N, C-alpha and C. Protein backbone atom coordinates (compact mmCIF):
# COMPACT_ATOMS: atom_id res chain seq x y z
N UNK A 1 48.48 -13.23 -12.70
CA UNK A 1 49.37 -12.09 -12.80
C UNK A 1 49.97 -12.03 -14.19
N UNK A 2 50.27 -10.82 -14.61
CA UNK A 2 50.84 -10.66 -15.94
C UNK A 2 52.35 -10.58 -15.84
N UNK A 3 53.02 -11.29 -16.73
CA UNK A 3 54.47 -11.28 -16.76
C UNK A 3 54.99 -10.26 -17.75
N UNK A 4 54.67 -10.46 -19.00
CA UNK A 4 55.20 -9.61 -20.05
C UNK A 4 54.24 -9.64 -21.21
N UNK A 5 54.42 -8.76 -22.15
CA UNK A 5 53.57 -8.71 -23.32
C UNK A 5 54.14 -9.61 -24.40
N UNK A 6 53.26 -10.44 -24.98
CA UNK A 6 53.69 -11.32 -26.06
C UNK A 6 53.91 -10.51 -27.33
N UNK A 7 54.44 -11.16 -28.35
CA UNK A 7 54.75 -10.49 -29.60
C UNK A 7 53.50 -9.94 -30.28
N UNK A 8 52.29 -10.49 -30.01
CA UNK A 8 51.07 -10.00 -30.65
C UNK A 8 50.38 -8.91 -29.83
N UNK A 9 50.99 -8.47 -28.75
CA UNK A 9 50.43 -7.39 -27.96
C UNK A 9 49.55 -7.84 -26.81
N UNK A 10 49.30 -9.14 -26.70
CA UNK A 10 48.48 -9.63 -25.61
C UNK A 10 49.36 -9.99 -24.42
N UNK A 11 48.88 -9.76 -23.22
CA UNK A 11 49.70 -10.09 -22.05
C UNK A 11 49.78 -11.60 -21.85
N UNK A 12 50.91 -12.04 -21.34
CA UNK A 12 51.08 -13.44 -21.00
C UNK A 12 50.59 -13.63 -19.57
N UNK A 13 49.81 -14.67 -19.33
CA UNK A 13 49.24 -14.91 -18.01
C UNK A 13 50.02 -16.03 -17.33
N UNK A 14 50.37 -15.78 -16.07
CA UNK A 14 51.07 -16.79 -15.28
C UNK A 14 50.11 -17.91 -14.91
N UNK A 15 50.60 -19.11 -14.87
CA UNK A 15 49.81 -20.21 -14.32
C UNK A 15 49.92 -20.16 -12.81
N UNK A 16 48.84 -20.52 -12.15
CA UNK A 16 48.83 -20.51 -10.70
C UNK A 16 47.43 -20.38 -10.18
N UNK A 17 47.28 -20.29 -8.86
CA UNK A 17 45.93 -20.19 -8.29
C UNK A 17 45.24 -18.90 -8.72
N UNK A 18 43.91 -18.99 -8.83
CA UNK A 18 43.12 -17.81 -9.21
C UNK A 18 42.99 -16.93 -7.98
N UNK A 19 43.34 -15.65 -8.10
CA UNK A 19 43.18 -14.75 -6.94
C UNK A 19 41.71 -14.68 -6.55
N UNK A 20 41.39 -14.49 -5.25
CA UNK A 20 40.00 -14.47 -4.80
C UNK A 20 39.12 -13.47 -5.56
N UNK A 21 39.66 -12.31 -5.92
CA UNK A 21 38.86 -11.32 -6.64
C UNK A 21 38.54 -11.75 -8.06
N UNK A 22 39.21 -12.77 -8.58
CA UNK A 22 38.96 -13.28 -9.93
C UNK A 22 38.24 -14.62 -9.93
N UNK A 23 37.99 -15.17 -8.75
CA UNK A 23 37.38 -16.50 -8.66
C UNK A 23 35.96 -16.47 -9.21
N UNK A 24 35.49 -17.60 -9.76
CA UNK A 24 34.11 -17.67 -10.25
C UNK A 24 33.12 -17.38 -9.13
N UNK A 25 32.02 -16.74 -9.49
CA UNK A 25 30.99 -16.37 -8.51
C UNK A 25 30.06 -17.56 -8.31
N UNK A 26 29.79 -17.91 -7.07
CA UNK A 26 28.86 -18.99 -6.77
C UNK A 26 27.43 -18.52 -6.98
N UNK A 27 26.52 -19.49 -7.15
CA UNK A 27 25.11 -19.18 -7.40
C UNK A 27 24.52 -18.31 -6.29
N UNK A 28 24.89 -18.56 -5.05
CA UNK A 28 24.34 -17.79 -3.94
C UNK A 28 24.74 -16.32 -4.00
N UNK A 29 25.85 -16.01 -4.61
CA UNK A 29 26.34 -14.63 -4.67
C UNK A 29 25.51 -13.76 -5.60
N UNK A 30 24.74 -14.34 -6.51
CA UNK A 30 23.97 -13.56 -7.47
C UNK A 30 22.49 -13.50 -7.13
N UNK A 31 22.08 -14.13 -6.04
CA UNK A 31 20.66 -14.20 -5.70
C UNK A 31 20.01 -12.84 -5.48
N UNK A 32 20.74 -11.85 -5.04
CA UNK A 32 20.17 -10.53 -4.75
C UNK A 32 20.17 -9.56 -5.93
N UNK A 33 20.64 -9.99 -7.09
CA UNK A 33 20.69 -9.09 -8.24
C UNK A 33 19.27 -8.87 -8.77
N UNK A 34 18.83 -7.61 -8.87
CA UNK A 34 17.46 -7.36 -9.36
C UNK A 34 17.35 -7.62 -10.86
N UNK A 35 16.21 -8.17 -11.27
CA UNK A 35 15.91 -8.45 -12.67
C UNK A 35 14.57 -7.82 -13.01
N UNK A 36 14.38 -7.51 -14.27
CA UNK A 36 13.09 -7.02 -14.75
C UNK A 36 12.43 -8.15 -15.53
N UNK A 37 11.20 -8.48 -15.13
CA UNK A 37 10.45 -9.52 -15.81
C UNK A 37 9.37 -8.84 -16.64
N UNK A 38 9.25 -9.26 -17.89
CA UNK A 38 8.24 -8.74 -18.79
C UNK A 38 7.19 -9.81 -19.04
N UNK A 39 5.92 -9.40 -19.06
CA UNK A 39 4.83 -10.28 -19.47
C UNK A 39 4.36 -9.76 -20.82
N UNK A 40 4.64 -10.52 -21.86
CA UNK A 40 4.35 -10.07 -23.23
C UNK A 40 2.95 -10.55 -23.62
N UNK A 41 2.04 -9.60 -23.76
CA UNK A 41 0.66 -9.92 -24.10
C UNK A 41 0.53 -10.39 -25.54
N UNK A 42 1.29 -9.82 -26.42
CA UNK A 42 1.23 -10.16 -27.83
C UNK A 42 2.06 -9.18 -28.63
N UNK A 43 2.03 -9.36 -29.94
CA UNK A 43 2.83 -8.51 -30.81
C UNK A 43 1.99 -8.06 -31.99
N UNK A 44 2.40 -6.95 -32.57
CA UNK A 44 1.76 -6.44 -33.78
C UNK A 44 2.84 -5.85 -34.67
N UNK A 45 2.66 -5.95 -35.96
CA UNK A 45 3.59 -5.36 -36.91
C UNK A 45 2.90 -4.17 -37.58
N UNK A 46 3.58 -3.04 -37.52
CA UNK A 46 3.08 -1.82 -38.15
C UNK A 46 4.20 -1.21 -38.98
N UNK A 47 3.81 -0.48 -40.00
CA UNK A 47 4.79 0.31 -40.73
C UNK A 47 4.96 1.63 -40.01
N UNK A 48 5.98 2.36 -40.34
CA UNK A 48 6.19 3.68 -39.75
C UNK A 48 4.99 4.57 -40.07
N UNK A 49 4.48 4.49 -41.29
CA UNK A 49 3.32 5.31 -41.68
C UNK A 49 2.11 4.97 -40.81
N UNK A 50 1.88 3.67 -40.54
CA UNK A 50 0.76 3.27 -39.69
C UNK A 50 0.95 3.77 -38.26
N UNK A 51 2.18 3.72 -37.78
CA UNK A 51 2.48 4.20 -36.44
C UNK A 51 2.17 5.69 -36.31
N UNK A 52 2.56 6.47 -37.30
CA UNK A 52 2.32 7.91 -37.26
C UNK A 52 0.84 8.26 -37.34
N UNK A 53 0.02 7.36 -37.87
CA UNK A 53 -1.42 7.62 -37.99
C UNK A 53 -2.20 7.28 -36.72
N UNK A 54 -1.55 6.67 -35.73
CA UNK A 54 -2.25 6.28 -34.51
C UNK A 54 -2.66 7.51 -33.69
N UNK A 55 -3.86 7.41 -33.13
CA UNK A 55 -4.39 8.49 -32.28
C UNK A 55 -4.98 7.87 -31.02
N UNK A 56 -5.27 8.70 -30.07
CA UNK A 56 -5.92 8.28 -28.84
C UNK A 56 -7.20 7.51 -29.19
N UNK A 57 -7.46 6.43 -28.47
CA UNK A 57 -8.62 5.55 -28.63
C UNK A 57 -8.53 4.61 -29.83
N UNK A 58 -7.45 4.67 -30.63
CA UNK A 58 -7.25 3.67 -31.69
C UNK A 58 -6.91 2.33 -31.03
N UNK A 59 -7.14 1.25 -31.71
CA UNK A 59 -6.82 -0.09 -31.22
C UNK A 59 -5.74 -0.70 -32.11
N UNK A 60 -4.85 -1.45 -31.48
CA UNK A 60 -3.83 -2.21 -32.21
C UNK A 60 -4.14 -3.68 -31.96
N UNK A 61 -4.40 -4.42 -33.02
CA UNK A 61 -4.68 -5.85 -32.90
C UNK A 61 -3.38 -6.62 -32.69
N UNK A 62 -3.37 -7.44 -31.65
CA UNK A 62 -2.21 -8.26 -31.34
C UNK A 62 -2.37 -9.64 -31.96
N UNK A 63 -1.28 -10.40 -31.98
CA UNK A 63 -1.29 -11.72 -32.59
C UNK A 63 -1.76 -12.82 -31.64
N UNK A 64 -2.41 -12.45 -30.54
CA UNK A 64 -2.91 -13.43 -29.58
C UNK A 64 -4.39 -13.16 -29.31
N UNK A 65 -5.04 -14.16 -28.74
CA UNK A 65 -6.45 -14.03 -28.38
C UNK A 65 -6.58 -13.78 -26.89
N UNK A 66 -7.68 -13.18 -26.50
CA UNK A 66 -7.95 -12.95 -25.09
C UNK A 66 -7.96 -14.30 -24.36
N UNK A 67 -7.23 -14.41 -23.27
CA UNK A 67 -7.16 -15.64 -22.52
C UNK A 67 -5.98 -16.52 -22.86
N UNK A 68 -5.28 -16.22 -23.97
CA UNK A 68 -4.08 -16.99 -24.31
C UNK A 68 -2.99 -16.74 -23.26
N UNK A 69 -2.13 -17.73 -23.02
CA UNK A 69 -1.01 -17.50 -22.10
C UNK A 69 -0.07 -16.41 -22.63
N UNK A 70 0.56 -15.70 -21.71
CA UNK A 70 1.52 -14.66 -22.08
C UNK A 70 2.93 -15.20 -21.87
N UNK A 71 3.88 -14.70 -22.65
CA UNK A 71 5.28 -15.08 -22.47
C UNK A 71 5.86 -14.26 -21.32
N UNK A 72 6.65 -14.90 -20.48
CA UNK A 72 7.39 -14.23 -19.42
C UNK A 72 8.85 -14.18 -19.84
N UNK A 73 9.41 -12.97 -19.85
CA UNK A 73 10.78 -12.80 -20.32
C UNK A 73 11.64 -12.13 -19.26
N UNK A 74 12.90 -12.56 -19.21
CA UNK A 74 13.94 -11.91 -18.41
C UNK A 74 15.09 -11.63 -19.36
N UNK A 75 15.48 -10.37 -19.45
CA UNK A 75 16.55 -9.96 -20.37
C UNK A 75 16.30 -10.42 -21.79
N UNK A 76 15.04 -10.39 -22.22
CA UNK A 76 14.69 -10.76 -23.58
C UNK A 76 14.57 -12.24 -23.84
N UNK A 77 14.80 -13.07 -22.83
CA UNK A 77 14.72 -14.52 -22.98
C UNK A 77 13.44 -15.03 -22.33
N UNK A 78 12.67 -15.82 -23.07
CA UNK A 78 11.45 -16.40 -22.51
C UNK A 78 11.83 -17.42 -21.45
N UNK A 79 11.30 -17.22 -20.23
CA UNK A 79 11.60 -18.14 -19.12
C UNK A 79 10.35 -18.89 -18.66
N UNK A 80 9.20 -18.55 -19.25
CA UNK A 80 7.99 -19.24 -18.84
C UNK A 80 6.77 -18.64 -19.52
N UNK A 81 5.60 -19.14 -19.07
CA UNK A 81 4.32 -18.64 -19.59
C UNK A 81 3.38 -18.47 -18.41
N UNK A 82 2.42 -17.57 -18.59
CA UNK A 82 1.49 -17.33 -17.50
C UNK A 82 0.14 -16.86 -18.00
N UNK A 83 -0.78 -16.74 -17.05
CA UNK A 83 -2.12 -16.24 -17.33
C UNK A 83 -2.31 -14.91 -16.63
N UNK A 84 -2.93 -13.97 -17.30
CA UNK A 84 -3.20 -12.66 -16.70
C UNK A 84 -4.29 -12.84 -15.64
N UNK A 85 -4.05 -12.29 -14.44
CA UNK A 85 -5.02 -12.35 -13.35
C UNK A 85 -5.24 -10.95 -12.80
N UNK A 86 -6.37 -10.76 -12.13
CA UNK A 86 -6.71 -9.47 -11.54
C UNK A 86 -6.80 -9.64 -10.03
N UNK A 87 -6.08 -8.81 -9.28
CA UNK A 87 -6.10 -8.83 -7.82
C UNK A 87 -7.02 -7.71 -7.36
N UNK A 88 -8.24 -8.06 -6.97
CA UNK A 88 -9.22 -7.04 -6.58
C UNK A 88 -8.79 -6.25 -5.36
N UNK A 89 -8.08 -6.88 -4.43
CA UNK A 89 -7.69 -6.18 -3.21
C UNK A 89 -6.68 -5.07 -3.49
N UNK A 90 -5.90 -5.23 -4.55
CA UNK A 90 -4.91 -4.21 -4.90
C UNK A 90 -5.32 -3.46 -6.16
N UNK A 91 -6.45 -3.83 -6.75
CA UNK A 91 -6.88 -3.31 -8.05
C UNK A 91 -5.71 -3.28 -9.04
N UNK A 92 -5.06 -4.43 -9.15
CA UNK A 92 -3.89 -4.54 -10.01
C UNK A 92 -3.98 -5.84 -10.82
N UNK A 93 -3.26 -5.87 -11.91
CA UNK A 93 -3.17 -7.11 -12.68
C UNK A 93 -1.85 -7.79 -12.35
N UNK A 94 -1.80 -9.08 -12.58
CA UNK A 94 -0.59 -9.85 -12.34
C UNK A 94 -0.55 -11.02 -13.30
N UNK A 95 0.38 -11.91 -13.07
CA UNK A 95 0.54 -13.09 -13.92
C UNK A 95 0.61 -14.32 -13.04
N UNK A 96 -0.26 -15.29 -13.30
CA UNK A 96 -0.22 -16.59 -12.64
C UNK A 96 0.69 -17.49 -13.47
N UNK A 97 1.74 -18.01 -12.86
CA UNK A 97 2.71 -18.84 -13.57
C UNK A 97 2.05 -20.17 -13.93
N UNK A 98 2.13 -20.55 -15.21
CA UNK A 98 1.62 -21.85 -15.63
C UNK A 98 2.76 -22.74 -16.14
N UNK A 99 3.88 -22.13 -16.47
CA UNK A 99 5.05 -22.89 -16.93
C UNK A 99 6.27 -22.03 -16.64
N UNK A 100 7.33 -22.63 -16.09
CA UNK A 100 8.53 -21.86 -15.75
C UNK A 100 9.76 -22.73 -15.98
N UNK A 101 10.82 -22.09 -16.46
CA UNK A 101 12.11 -22.75 -16.64
C UNK A 101 13.15 -21.87 -15.94
N UNK A 102 13.82 -22.42 -14.97
CA UNK A 102 14.83 -21.67 -14.23
C UNK A 102 16.20 -21.74 -14.91
N UNK A 103 16.27 -22.45 -16.03
CA UNK A 103 17.53 -22.54 -16.76
C UNK A 103 18.54 -23.46 -16.13
N UNK A 104 18.13 -24.22 -15.15
CA UNK A 104 19.07 -25.15 -14.49
C UNK A 104 19.13 -26.46 -15.27
N UNK A 105 20.31 -27.00 -15.35
CA UNK A 105 20.47 -28.31 -15.98
C UNK A 105 20.12 -29.37 -14.95
N UNK A 106 19.31 -30.32 -15.37
CA UNK A 106 18.88 -31.39 -14.43
C UNK A 106 19.35 -32.72 -14.91
């Protein structure tokens, strides 16, 4: 709870128990939050002029070779690596996890 404003304009905070609405969130509480995972095939550097010259059927060479592992990213952070796979039953591509870091301290 706030008591009064200090001389620098910041509120003074009372010492005491943390109200339930301010309590730290447990790991189980965040399990349902949706995330977007990116599988990064590779990268290329182009100038603006080169970008403007691109047309349909042009190719952009990436900095990786066919069959190299791809980076798996969540919120821009690499969390693992994988191999591109093809699911014939769904006619879709996917990623087979070959290395993963959940960010947990062990």
